[in-house]
Amino acid sequence: MYTHHKQIVTAGKPIEQATKAIIMLHGRGASASGIIALKDHLELNDYAIFAPQATEHSWYPYSFMAPVSNNQPALDSALGIIGDLVADIMGKGISQENIYFLGFSQGACLTLEYITRNAGRYGGAIAFTGGLIGEKLNMANYTGDFNQTPVLITTGDPDPHVPVSRVNESVGIIKGMNANVTLEIYNLRPHTITAPELAMANEILSR
């Protein structure tokens, strides 16, 4: 089993000049540079952009619906990388409410898991096809108050990797922690990111 090393690809404004920061999390088999390429479709003019690279191009080895123990130590390592990156960004003077998150697929699952374990007021979070992680969700992991952080969650129905039932369960938990959640389920949409989803993401990013 593997853990992750801190390999961060950056783009956008230098953090010293940026007013906002975004952490972008790639999917299984993909790369940090691949997810950063989405910036060409997103309104990120004032952002410092950070994309961690997963070891072996995967944040955890098995399905996000597997028992959490099966995905250790990779999962805790991945969450730790994000936590360290958030601390680094805040150490450079960008407040938590100006930090945004975006992930696709495995990266969307990791995005939701991180923010829900560390709920607070963020700039926003965008989860393109994802849900909270675990065979059964451990509510003891999820604490805090999102204070109306905007959260966009999108998925296809059906999706080959992410059951809509888990997406709905995740939305219920996150809403219950005082997030302002937008959920969009697309009938028969393939496992990808579509133009309407990017447009909804830009509504959050351009606020």
Protein backbone atom coordinates (compact mmCIF):
# COMPACT_ATOMS: atom_id res chain seq x y z
CA MET A 1 0.00 0.00 0.00
CA TYR A 2 1.18 3.51 -0.70
CA THR A 3 1.19 6.98 0.77
CA HIS A 4 1.50 10.31 -0.98
CA HIS A 5 4.36 12.76 -1.24
CA LYS A 6 3.82 16.47 -1.46
CA GLN A 7 4.04 17.17 -5.18
CA ILE A 8 2.05 20.31 -6.00
CA VAL A 9 1.61 21.68 -9.52
CA THR A 10 0.80 25.39 -9.54
CA ALA A 11 -0.74 27.82 -12.03
CA GLY A 12 -2.60 31.10 -12.05
CA LYS A 13 -1.40 34.08 -10.04
CA PRO A 14 1.54 33.85 -7.66
CA ILE A 15 -0.02 33.41 -4.24
CA GLU A 16 1.49 36.69 -3.05
CA GLN A 17 -0.57 38.52 -5.70
CA ALA A 18 -3.73 36.39 -5.57
CA THR A 19 -6.89 37.21 -3.65
CA LYS A 20 -8.20 33.64 -3.79
CA ALA A 21 -6.78 30.12 -4.01
CA ILE A 22 -8.21 26.91 -5.43
CA ILE A 23 -7.15 23.34 -4.73
CA MET A 24 -7.90 21.07 -7.69
CA LEU A 25 -7.94 17.28 -7.20
CA HIS A 26 -7.56 14.94 -10.15
CA GLY A 27 -9.33 11.62 -10.67
CA ARG A 28 -7.99 8.07 -10.69
CA GLY A 29 -5.43 7.49 -13.43
CA ALA A 30 -5.20 11.20 -14.15
CA SER A 31 -2.73 13.91 -13.20
CA ALA A 32 -2.38 17.28 -11.53
CA SER A 33 -1.50 18.91 -14.84
CA GLY A 34 -4.61 17.35 -16.38
CA ILE A 35 -7.02 18.81 -13.82
CA ILE A 36 -5.25 22.19 -13.96
CA ALA A 37 -6.03 22.28 -17.69
CA LEU A 38 -9.65 22.94 -16.67
CA LYS A 39 -8.54 26.49 -15.84
CA ASP A 40 -9.03 27.37 -19.51
CA HIS A 41 -12.77 26.82 -18.95
CA LEU A 42 -13.04 28.36 -15.48
CA GLU A 43 -13.09 31.91 -14.19
CA LEU A 44 -9.88 31.85 -12.17
CA ASN A 45 -8.29 35.19 -13.06
CA ASP A 46 -7.59 36.22 -9.46
CA TYR A 47 -6.70 32.76 -8.20
CA ALA A 48 -3.54 31.00 -7.22
CA ILE A 49 -4.12 27.43 -8.44
CA PHE A 50 -2.77 24.36 -6.65
CA ALA A 51 -3.09 20.75 -7.82
CA PRO A 52 -1.50 17.95 -5.79
CA GLN A 53 -0.29 14.89 -7.69
CA ALA A 54 -1.31 11.50 -6.28
CA THR A 55 1.27 8.73 -6.01
CA GLU A 56 0.63 6.17 -8.78
CA HIS A 57 -2.06 8.57 -10.12
CA SER A 58 -4.60 7.34 -7.56
CA TRP A 59 -5.62 8.87 -4.24
CA TYR A 60 -6.65 5.48 -2.81
CA PRO A 61 -6.53 2.00 -4.32
CA TYR A 62 -10.11 0.73 -4.20
CA SER A 63 -13.60 2.10 -4.80
CA PHE A 64 -14.69 4.97 -2.58
CA MET A 65 -17.52 2.65 -1.49
CA ALA A 66 -15.08 0.04 -0.14
CA PRO A 67 -14.49 -0.24 3.62
CA VAL A 68 -12.27 2.70 4.63
CA SER A 69 -9.68 0.31 6.07
CA ASN A 70 -9.13 -1.14 2.58
CA ASN A 71 -8.10 2.28 1.30
CA GLN A 72 -5.60 3.00 4.08
CA PRO A 73 -2.99 4.37 4.48
CA ALA A 74 -3.47 6.10 1.13
CA LEU A 75 -6.73 7.84 2.10
CA ASP A 76 -5.43 9.37 5.32
CA SER A 77 -2.25 10.36 3.50
CA ALA A 78 -4.28 12.10 0.79
CA LEU A 79 -6.37 13.97 3.35
CA GLY A 80 -3.15 14.98 5.08
CA ILE A 81 -1.70 16.39 1.86
CA ILE A 82 -4.78 18.57 1.43
CA GLY A 83 -4.67 19.71 5.05
CA ASP A 84 -1.01 20.67 4.72
CA LEU A 85 -1.75 22.56 1.50
CA VAL A 86 -4.62 24.48 3.14
CA ALA A 87 -2.29 25.43 6.00
CA ASP A 88 0.39 26.55 3.52
CA ILE A 89 -2.12 28.73 1.63
CA MET A 90 -3.42 30.32 4.83
CA GLY A 91 0.18 30.85 5.95
CA LYS A 92 0.68 32.94 2.80
CA GLY A 93 -2.16 35.24 3.83
CA ILE A 94 -5.22 33.87 2.03
CA SER A 95 -8.05 33.32 4.50
CA GLN A 96 -10.08 30.11 4.67
CA GLU A 97 -13.15 31.83 3.22
CA ASN A 98 -11.12 32.62 0.08
CA ILE A 99 -10.01 29.00 -0.44
CA TYR A 100 -11.95 26.97 -2.99
CA PHE A 101 -11.89 23.27 -3.88
CA LEU A 102 -12.62 21.43 -7.12
CA GLY A 103 -12.36 17.74 -7.91
CA PHE A 104 -13.49 15.22 -10.49
CA SER A 105 -14.47 11.61 -9.75
CA GLN A 106 -11.98 10.23 -7.21
CA GLY A 107 -10.84 13.82 -6.68
CA ALA A 108 -14.47 14.89 -6.12
CA CYS A 109 -14.89 12.20 -3.47
CA LEU A 110 -11.70 13.37 -1.78
CA THR A 111 -12.83 17.01 -1.98
CA LEU A 112 -16.12 16.22 -0.24
CA GLU A 113 -14.47 14.00 2.36
CA TYR A 114 -11.88 16.65 3.24
CA ILE A 115 -14.26 19.59 3.55
CA THR A 116 -16.87 17.61 5.49
CA ARG A 117 -14.25 16.40 7.97
CA ASN A 118 -13.08 20.02 8.26
CA ALA A 119 -16.29 21.99 7.81
CA GLY A 120 -16.03 25.74 7.96
CA ARG A 121 -16.61 28.72 5.75
CA TYR A 122 -14.74 28.21 2.48
CA GLY A 123 -15.06 30.15 -0.74
CA GLY A 124 -16.78 27.19 -2.34
CA ALA A 125 -16.42 23.55 -3.31
CA ILE A 126 -17.14 21.85 -6.63
CA ALA A 127 -17.45 18.07 -6.79
CA PHE A 128 -17.87 16.82 -10.34
CA THR A 129 -19.23 13.27 -9.81
CA GLY A 130 -18.42 12.26 -6.24
CA GLY A 131 -19.69 11.42 -2.79
CA LEU A 132 -18.45 10.92 0.75
CA ILE A 133 -16.07 8.00 1.24
CA GLY A 134 -16.66 4.64 2.91
CA GLU A 135 -18.69 1.45 2.71
CA LYS A 136 -20.83 3.03 5.43
CA LEU A 137 -20.42 6.67 6.35
CA ASN A 138 -19.01 7.31 9.82
CA MET A 139 -20.83 10.38 11.07
CA ALA A 140 -18.28 10.83 13.85
CA ASN A 141 -15.79 11.96 11.16
CA TYR A 142 -17.92 14.92 10.11
CA THR A 143 -17.87 17.97 12.34
CA GLY A 144 -18.20 21.72 12.03
CA ASP A 145 -20.43 24.28 10.34
CA PHE A 146 -20.09 25.23 6.68
CA ASN A 147 -21.68 28.63 7.41
CA GLN A 148 -23.42 28.57 4.02
CA THR A 149 -20.34 27.69 1.94
CA PRO A 150 -21.58 27.11 -1.63
CA VAL A 151 -21.10 23.46 -2.64
CA LEU A 152 -21.85 22.17 -6.16
CA ILE A 153 -22.23 18.42 -6.61
CA THR A 154 -22.97 16.96 -10.04
CA THR A 155 -23.27 13.40 -11.31
CA GLY A 156 -24.76 11.21 -14.00
CA ASP A 157 -27.57 8.73 -13.48
CA PRO A 158 -26.46 6.05 -13.65
CA ASP A 159 -22.72 6.60 -13.20
CA PRO A 160 -20.38 3.58 -13.49
CA HIS A 161 -18.38 4.56 -10.38
CA VAL A 162 -20.60 6.74 -8.19
CA PRO A 163 -24.09 5.55 -7.15
CA VAL A 164 -26.69 8.31 -7.06
CA SER A 165 -27.83 6.95 -3.69
CA ARG A 166 -24.44 7.84 -2.17
CA VAL A 167 -24.51 11.27 -3.80
CA ASN A 168 -27.92 11.95 -2.25
CA GLU A 169 -26.77 10.65 1.14
CA SER A 170 -23.72 12.93 0.97
CA VAL A 171 -25.83 15.94 0.04
CA GLY A 172 -28.05 15.33 3.05
CA ILE A 173 -25.08 15.25 5.44
CA ILE A 174 -23.42 18.33 3.94
CA LYS A 175 -26.68 20.31 3.92
CA GLY A 176 -27.21 19.28 7.52
CA MET A 177 -23.89 20.94 8.33
CA ASN A 178 -25.18 24.25 6.96
CA ALA A 179 -23.70 24.22 3.45
CA ASN A 180 -25.54 25.86 0.56
CA VAL A 181 -25.66 22.82 -1.72
CA THR A 182 -26.57 22.73 -5.40
CA LEU A 183 -27.11 19.19 -6.72
CA GLU A 184 -27.45 18.43 -10.43
CA ILE A 185 -28.08 14.88 -11.66
CA TYR A 186 -27.83 14.34 -15.41
CA ASN A 187 -29.74 11.47 -16.96
CA LEU A 188 -27.44 9.07 -18.86
CA ARG A 189 -24.49 11.47 -18.80
CA PRO A 190 -21.16 9.68 -19.29
CA HIS A 191 -18.40 9.84 -16.66
CA THR A 192 -17.07 13.24 -17.68
CA ILE A 193 -17.44 16.99 -17.07
CA THR A 194 -19.88 18.83 -19.34
CA ALA A 195 -20.22 22.49 -20.33
CA PRO A 196 -23.32 23.09 -18.14
CA GLU A 197 -21.38 21.80 -15.12
CA LEU A 198 -18.49 24.16 -15.86
CA ALA A 199 -20.98 27.04 -16.16
CA MET A 200 -22.41 26.23 -12.71
CA ALA A 201 -18.90 26.00 -11.30
CA ASN A 202 -18.15 29.46 -12.66
CA GLU A 203 -21.18 30.87 -10.83
CA ILE A 204 -19.41 29.89 -7.58
CA LEU A 205 -15.88 30.80 -8.67
CA SER A 206 -16.79 34.26 -9.95
CA ARG A 207 -18.56 35.42 -6.76
